[in-house]
Amino acid sequence: MSELAEMKSIWYLVGLMLLAMGALVLAGGIGDLISPPAHATVLARLRPNLWWGAVMMIAGAVFFLSHRK
């Protein structure tokens, strides 16, 4: 154990979590496109889960890729 292990940045883990959660939100949005819910919300036509899933995945990819060592 003469060599110290390099610690990962917290932003690396934040990016990994944003990627995973964004993928889940995006998958839910795609599921809603395939089979729409019986009672849609007021702004369902704007597909916010698709937009926010994509935004979360892009932000996660930026954090993940910029802080990896």
PDB file of N, CA and C in Angstrom:
ATOM      1  N   MET A   1       0.809  -1.187   0.000  1.00  0.00           N
ATOM      2  CA  MET A   1       0.000   0.000   0.000  1.00  0.00           C
ATOM      3  C   MET A   1       0.853   1.252   0.000  1.00  0.00           C
ATOM      4  N   SER A   2       1.939   1.204  -0.708  1.00  0.00           N
ATOM      5  CA  SER A   2       2.807   2.372  -0.766  1.00  0.00           C
ATOM      6  C   SER A   2       2.233   3.463  -1.669  1.00  0.00           C
ATOM      7  N   GLU A   3       1.443   3.058  -2.631  1.00  0.00           N
ATOM      8  CA  GLU A   3       0.836   4.039  -3.523  1.00  0.00           C
ATOM      9  C   GLU A   3      -0.535   4.428  -2.994  1.00  0.00           C
ATOM     10  N   LEU A   4      -0.806   5.718  -2.983  1.00  0.00           N
ATOM     11  CA  LEU A   4      -2.114   6.191  -2.546  1.00  0.00           C
ATOM     12  C   LEU A   4      -3.086   6.132  -3.709  1.00  0.00           C
ATOM     13  N   ALA A   5      -4.286   5.668  -3.442  1.00  0.00           N
ATOM     14  CA  ALA A   5      -5.318   5.617  -4.474  1.00  0.00           C
ATOM     15  C   ALA A   5      -5.821   7.030  -4.751  1.00  0.00           C
ATOM     16  N   GLU A   6      -5.996   7.327  -6.009  1.00  0.00           N
ATOM     17  CA  GLU A   6      -6.507   8.638  -6.385  1.00  0.00           C
ATOM     18  C   GLU A   6      -7.998   8.700  -6.062  1.00  0.00           C
ATOM     19  N   MET A   7      -8.410   9.785  -5.427  1.00  0.00           N
ATOM     20  CA  MET A   7      -9.824   9.952  -5.106  1.00  0.00           C
ATOM     21  C   MET A   7     -10.535  10.599  -6.286  1.00  0.00           C
ATOM     22  N   LYS A   8     -11.763  10.161  -6.525  1.00  0.00           N
ATOM     23  CA  LYS A   8     -12.584  10.753  -7.576  1.00  0.00           C
ATOM     24  C   LYS A   8     -13.219  12.042  -7.066  1.00  0.00           C
ATOM     25  N   SER A   9     -13.437  12.973  -7.963  1.00  0.00           N
ATOM     26  CA  SER A   9     -14.105  14.214  -7.624  1.00  0.00           C
ATOM     27  C   SER A   9     -15.586  13.949  -7.370  1.00  0.00           C
ATOM     28  N   ILE A  10     -16.193  14.762  -6.523  1.00  0.00           N
ATOM     29  CA  ILE A  10     -17.618  14.620  -6.243  1.00  0.00           C
ATOM     30  C   ILE A  10     -18.434  14.872  -7.514  1.00  0.00           C
ATOM     31  N   TRP A  11     -17.923  15.710  -8.409  1.00  0.00           N
ATOM     32  CA  TRP A  11     -18.652  16.029  -9.639  1.00  0.00           C
ATOM     33  C   TRP A  11     -18.680  14.842 -10.590  1.00  0.00           C
ATOM     34  N   TYR A  12     -17.712  13.971 -10.488  1.00  0.00           N
ATOM     35  CA  TYR A  12     -17.712  12.727 -11.262  1.00  0.00           C
ATOM     36  C   TYR A  12     -18.913  11.884 -10.858  1.00  0.00           C
ATOM     37  N   LEU A  13     -19.144  11.760  -9.558  1.00  0.00           N
ATOM     38  CA  LEU A  13     -20.266  10.966  -9.061  1.00  0.00           C
ATOM     39  C   LEU A  13     -21.602  11.654  -9.331  1.00  0.00           C
ATOM     40  N   VAL A  14     -21.625  12.975  -9.238  1.00  0.00           N
ATOM     41  CA  VAL A  14     -22.845  13.721  -9.559  1.00  0.00           C
ATOM     42  C   VAL A  14     -23.198  13.502 -11.033  1.00  0.00           C
ATOM     43  N   GLY A  15     -22.205  13.542 -11.888  1.00  0.00           N
ATOM     44  CA  GLY A  15     -22.448  13.298 -13.306  1.00  0.00           C
ATOM     45  C   GLY A  15     -22.960  11.899 -13.566  1.00  0.00           C
ATOM     46  N   LEU A  16     -22.414  10.927 -12.859  1.00  0.00           N
ATOM     47  CA  LEU A  16     -22.869   9.550 -13.010  1.00  0.00           C
ATOM     48  C   LEU A  16     -24.317   9.399 -12.562  1.00  0.00           C
ATOM     49  N   MET A  17     -24.673  10.056 -11.456  1.00  0.00           N
ATOM     50  CA  MET A  17     -26.053   9.992 -10.980  1.00  0.00           C
ATOM     51  C   MET A  17     -27.009  10.716 -11.921  1.00  0.00           C
ATOM     52  N   LEU A  18     -26.599  11.861 -12.440  1.00  0.00           N
ATOM     53  CA  LEU A  18     -27.455  12.583 -13.382  1.00  0.00           C
ATOM     54  C   LEU A  18     -27.670  11.781 -14.661  1.00  0.00           C
ATOM     55  N   LEU A  19     -26.630  11.102 -15.106  1.00  0.00           N
ATOM     56  CA  LEU A  19     -26.775  10.252 -16.288  1.00  0.00           C
ATOM     57  C   LEU A  19     -27.791   9.147 -16.037  1.00  0.00           C
ATOM     58  N   ALA A  20     -27.678   8.491 -14.899  1.00  0.00           N
ATOM     59  CA  ALA A  20     -28.586   7.386 -14.587  1.00  0.00           C
ATOM     60  C   ALA A  20     -30.023   7.872 -14.403  1.00  0.00           C
ATOM     61  N   MET A  21     -30.202   8.943 -13.640  1.00  0.00           N
ATOM     62  CA  MET A  21     -31.555   9.449 -13.400  1.00  0.00           C
ATOM     63  C   MET A  21     -32.166  10.047 -14.667  1.00  0.00           C
ATOM     64  N   GLY A  22     -31.353  10.712 -15.469  1.00  0.00           N
ATOM     65  CA  GLY A  22     -31.844  11.249 -16.732  1.00  0.00           C
ATOM     66  C   GLY A  22     -32.291  10.144 -17.675  1.00  0.00           C
ATOM     67  N   ALA A  23     -31.561   9.024 -17.667  1.00  0.00           N
ATOM     68  CA  ALA A  23     -31.958   7.895 -18.507  1.00  0.00           C
ATOM     69  C   ALA A  23     -33.302   7.331 -18.052  1.00  0.00           C
ATOM     70  N   LEU A  24     -33.531   7.276 -16.737  1.00  0.00           N
ATOM     71  CA  LEU A  24     -34.813   6.782 -16.229  1.00  0.00           C
ATOM     72  C   LEU A  24     -35.965   7.721 -16.583  1.00  0.00           C
ATOM     73  N   VAL A  25     -35.747   9.028 -16.432  1.00  0.00           N
ATOM     74  CA  VAL A  25     -36.785  10.006 -16.765  1.00  0.00           C
ATOM     75  C   VAL A  25     -37.082   9.969 -18.262  1.00  0.00           C
ATOM     76  N   LEU A  26     -36.037   9.876 -19.073  1.00  0.00           N
ATOM     77  CA  LEU A  26     -36.214   9.807 -20.520  1.00  0.00           C
ATOM     78  C   LEU A  26     -36.944   8.527 -20.923  1.00  0.00           C
ATOM     79  N   ALA A  27     -36.622   7.420 -20.282  1.00  0.00           N
ATOM     80  CA  ALA A  27     -37.307   6.162 -20.574  1.00  0.00           C
ATOM     81  C   ALA A  27     -38.788   6.252 -20.203  1.00  0.00           C
ATOM     82  N   GLY A  28     -39.084   6.931 -19.089  1.00  0.00           N
ATOM     83  CA  GLY A  28     -40.488   7.141 -18.721  1.00  0.00           C
ATOM     84  C   GLY A  28     -41.219   7.999 -19.740  1.00  0.00           C
ATOM     85  N   GLY A  29     -40.545   9.000 -20.272  1.00  0.00           N
ATOM     86  CA  GLY A  29     -41.150   9.842 -21.310  1.00  0.00           C
ATOM     87  C   GLY A  29     -41.398   9.080 -22.593  1.00  0.00           C
ATOM     88  N   ILE A  30     -40.478   8.212 -22.949  1.00  0.00           N
ATOM     89  CA  ILE A  30     -40.678   7.385 -24.144  1.00  0.00           C
ATOM     90  C   ILE A  30     -41.834   6.408 -23.920  1.00  0.00           C
ATOM     91  N   GLY A  31     -41.927   5.891 -22.694  1.00  0.00           N
ATOM     92  CA  GLY A  31     -43.052   5.018 -22.355  1.00  0.00           C
ATOM     93  C   GLY A  31     -44.382   5.741 -22.459  1.00  0.00           C
ATOM     94  N   ASP A  32     -44.416   7.020 -22.062  1.00  0.00           N
ATOM     95  CA  ASP A  32     -45.638   7.810 -22.188  1.00  0.00           C
ATOM     96  C   ASP A  32     -45.972   8.112 -23.645  1.00  0.00           C
ATOM     97  N   LEU A  33     -44.971   8.203 -24.496  1.00  0.00           N
ATOM     98  CA  LEU A  33     -45.235   8.404 -25.922  1.00  0.00           C
ATOM     99  C   LEU A  33     -45.853   7.156 -26.542  1.00  0.00           C
ATOM    100  N   ILE A  34     -45.346   5.997 -26.137  1.00  0.00           N
ATOM    101  CA  ILE A  34     -45.825   4.730 -26.703  1.00  0.00           C
ATOM    102  C   ILE A  34     -47.245   4.438 -26.244  1.00  0.00           C
ATOM    103  N   SER A  35     -47.481   4.545 -24.937  1.00  0.00           N
ATOM    104  CA  SER A  35     -48.834   4.317 -24.416  1.00  0.00           C
ATOM    105  C   SER A  35     -49.189   5.467 -23.476  1.00  0.00           C
ATOM    106  N   PRO A  36     -49.918   6.460 -23.979  1.00  0.00           N
ATOM    107  CA  PRO A  36     -50.248   7.646 -23.180  1.00  0.00           C
ATOM    108  C   PRO A  36     -51.091   7.281 -21.957  1.00  0.00           C
ATOM    109  N   PRO A  37     -50.931   8.024 -20.861  1.00  0.00           N
ATOM    110  CA  PRO A  37     -51.736   7.757 -19.670  1.00  0.00           C
ATOM    111  C   PRO A  37     -53.209   8.093 -19.909  1.00  0.00           C
ATOM    112  N   ALA A  38     -54.074   7.473 -19.134  1.00  0.00           N
ATOM    113  CA  ALA A  38     -55.518   7.684 -19.312  1.00  0.00           C
ATOM    114  C   ALA A  38     -55.909   9.128 -19.011  1.00  0.00           C
ATOM    115  N   HIS A  39     -55.343   9.697 -17.956  1.00  0.00           N
ATOM    116  CA  HIS A  39     -55.660  11.074 -17.572  1.00  0.00           C
ATOM    117  C   HIS A  39     -54.382  11.901 -17.669  1.00  0.00           C
ATOM    118  N   ALA A  40     -54.270  12.660 -18.729  1.00  0.00           N
ATOM    119  CA  ALA A  40     -53.071  13.477 -18.947  1.00  0.00           C
ATOM    120  C   ALA A  40     -53.131  14.737 -18.083  1.00  0.00           C
ATOM    121  N   THR A  41     -51.957  15.223 -17.700  1.00  0.00           N
ATOM    122  CA  THR A  41     -51.887  16.470 -16.954  1.00  0.00           C
ATOM    123  C   THR A  41     -52.075  17.654 -17.898  1.00  0.00           C
ATOM    124  N   VAL A  42     -52.125  18.845 -17.334  1.00  0.00           N
ATOM    125  CA  VAL A  42     -52.411  20.039 -18.125  1.00  0.00           C
ATOM    126  C   VAL A  42     -51.340  20.276 -19.193  1.00  0.00           C
ATOM    127  N   LEU A  43     -50.076  20.158 -18.835  1.00  0.00           N
ATOM    128  CA  LEU A  43     -48.995  20.448 -19.769  1.00  0.00           C
ATOM    129  C   LEU A  43     -48.350  19.183 -20.347  1.00  0.00           C
ATOM    130  N   ALA A  44     -49.086  18.090 -20.385  1.00  0.00           N
ATOM    131  CA  ALA A  44     -48.526  16.827 -20.878  1.00  0.00           C
ATOM    132  C   ALA A  44     -48.162  16.912 -22.357  1.00  0.00           C
ATOM    133  N   ARG A  45     -48.815  17.773 -23.087  1.00  0.00           N
ATOM    134  CA  ARG A  45     -48.527  17.879 -24.525  1.00  0.00           C
ATOM    135  C   ARG A  45     -47.133  18.433 -24.794  1.00  0.00           C
ATOM    136  N   LEU A  46     -46.517  19.089 -23.792  1.00  0.00           N
ATOM    137  CA  LEU A  46     -45.169  19.622 -23.959  1.00  0.00           C
ATOM    138  C   LEU A  46     -44.091  18.569 -23.727  1.00  0.00           C
ATOM    139  N   ARG A  47     -44.471  17.417 -23.199  1.00  0.00           N
ATOM    140  CA  ARG A  47     -43.552  16.291 -22.935  1.00  0.00           C
ATOM    141  C   ARG A  47     -42.362  16.708 -22.071  1.00  0.00           C
ATOM    142  N   PRO A  48     -42.612  17.203 -20.849  1.00  0.00           N
ATOM    143  CA  PRO A  48     -41.499  17.668 -20.007  1.00  0.00           C
ATOM    144  C   PRO A  48     -40.544  16.552 -19.598  1.00  0.00           C
ATOM    145  N   ASN A  49     -41.034  15.328 -19.474  1.00  0.00           N
ATOM    146  CA  ASN A  49     -40.130  14.243 -19.083  1.00  0.00           C
ATOM    147  C   ASN A  49     -39.114  13.929 -20.177  1.00  0.00           C
ATOM    148  N   LEU A  50     -39.473  14.121 -21.422  1.00  0.00           N
ATOM    149  CA  LEU A  50     -38.494  13.934 -22.498  1.00  0.00           C
ATOM    150  C   LEU A  50     -37.431  15.027 -22.454  1.00  0.00           C
ATOM    151  N   TRP A  51     -37.885  16.280 -22.285  1.00  0.00           N
ATOM    152  CA  TRP A  51     -36.951  17.404 -22.258  1.00  0.00           C
ATOM    153  C   TRP A  51     -36.021  17.328 -21.062  1.00  0.00           C
ATOM    154  N   TRP A  52     -36.594  17.115 -19.861  1.00  0.00           N
ATOM    155  CA  TRP A  52     -35.759  17.117 -18.666  1.00  0.00           C
ATOM    156  C   TRP A  52     -34.881  15.877 -18.574  1.00  0.00           C
ATOM    157  N   GLY A  53     -35.348  14.768 -19.114  1.00  0.00           N
ATOM    158  CA  GLY A  53     -34.487  13.593 -19.168  1.00  0.00           C
ATOM    159  C   GLY A  53     -33.268  13.847 -20.040  1.00  0.00           C
ATOM    160  N   ALA A  54     -33.495  14.495 -21.177  1.00  0.00           N
ATOM    161  CA  ALA A  54     -32.378  14.815 -22.075  1.00  0.00           C
ATOM    162  C   ALA A  54     -31.442  15.844 -21.442  1.00  0.00           C
ATOM    163  N   VAL A  55     -32.003  16.866 -20.785  1.00  0.00           N
ATOM    164  CA  VAL A  55     -31.168  17.884 -20.131  1.00  0.00           C
ATOM    165  C   VAL A  55     -30.331  17.256 -19.019  1.00  0.00           C
ATOM    166  N   MET A  56     -30.942  16.380 -18.231  1.00  0.00           N
ATOM    167  CA  MET A  56     -30.204  15.722 -17.151  1.00  0.00           C
ATOM    168  C   MET A  56     -29.089  14.842 -17.701  1.00  0.00           C
ATOM    169  N   MET A  57     -29.351  14.157 -18.794  1.00  0.00           N
ATOM    170  CA  MET A  57     -28.319  13.300 -19.376  1.00  0.00           C
ATOM    171  C   MET A  57     -27.173  14.123 -19.959  1.00  0.00           C
ATOM    172  N   ILE A  58     -27.481  15.243 -20.581  1.00  0.00           N
ATOM    173  CA  ILE A  58     -26.428  16.103 -21.131  1.00  0.00           C
ATOM    174  C   ILE A  58     -25.583  16.695 -20.012  1.00  0.00           C
ATOM    175  N   ALA A  59     -26.232  17.204 -18.960  1.00  0.00           N
ATOM    176  CA  ALA A  59     -25.487  17.760 -17.822  1.00  0.00           C
ATOM    177  C   ALA A  59     -24.656  16.676 -17.151  1.00  0.00           C
ATOM    178  N   GLY A  60     -25.231  15.484 -17.009  1.00  0.00           N
ATOM    179  CA  GLY A  60     -24.495  14.376 -16.411  1.00  0.00           C
ATOM    180  C   GLY A  60     -23.290  13.984 -17.239  1.00  0.00           C
ATOM    181  N   ALA A  61     -23.452  13.977 -18.551  1.00  0.00           N
ATOM    182  CA  ALA A  61     -22.328  13.632 -19.423  1.00  0.00           C
ATOM    183  C   ALA A  61     -21.222  14.682 -19.338  1.00  0.00           C
ATOM    184  N   VAL A  62     -21.608  15.959 -19.237  1.00  0.00           N
ATOM    185  CA  VAL A  62     -20.611  17.028 -19.109  1.00  0.00           C
ATOM    186  C   VAL A  62     -19.820  16.854 -17.815  1.00  0.00           C
ATOM    187  N   PHE A  63     -20.528  16.667 -16.697  1.00  0.00           N
ATOM    188  CA  PHE A  63     -19.855  16.482 -15.402  1.00  0.00           C
ATOM    189  C   PHE A  63     -19.002  15.225 -15.408  1.00  0.00           C
ATOM    190  N   PHE A  64     -19.547  14.146 -15.911  1.00  0.00           N
ATOM    191  CA  PHE A  64     -18.858  12.857 -15.907  1.00  0.00           C
ATOM    192  C   PHE A  64     -17.575  12.903 -16.736  1.00  0.00           C
ATOM    193  N   LEU A  65     -17.680  13.440 -17.938  1.00  0.00           N
ATOM    194  CA  LEU A  65     -16.530  13.449 -18.831  1.00  0.00           C
ATOM    195  C   LEU A  65     -15.483  14.503 -18.463  1.00  0.00           C
ATOM    196  N   SER A  66     -15.920  15.618 -17.897  1.00  0.00           N
ATOM    197  CA  SER A  66     -14.956  16.676 -17.580  1.00  0.00           C
ATOM    198  C   SER A  66     -14.197  16.411 -16.279  1.00  0.00           C
ATOM    199  N   HIS A  67     -14.710  15.553 -15.405  1.00  0.00           N
ATOM    200  CA  HIS A  67     -14.058  15.322 -14.124  1.00  0.00           C
ATOM    201  C   HIS A  67     -13.520  13.914 -13.947  1.00  0.00           C
ATOM    202  N   ARG A  68     -13.445  13.156 -15.009  1.00  0.00           N
ATOM    203  CA  ARG A  68     -12.840  11.833 -14.863  1.00  0.00           C
ATOM    204  C   ARG A  68     -11.324  11.976 -14.978  1.00  0.00           C
ATOM    205  N   LYS A  69     -10.622  11.050 -14.373  1.00  0.00           N
ATOM    206  CA  LYS A  69      -9.148  11.152 -14.386  1.00  0.00           C
ATOM    207  C   LYS A  69      -8.554   9.979 -15.094  1.00  0.00           C
TER     208      LYS A  69
END
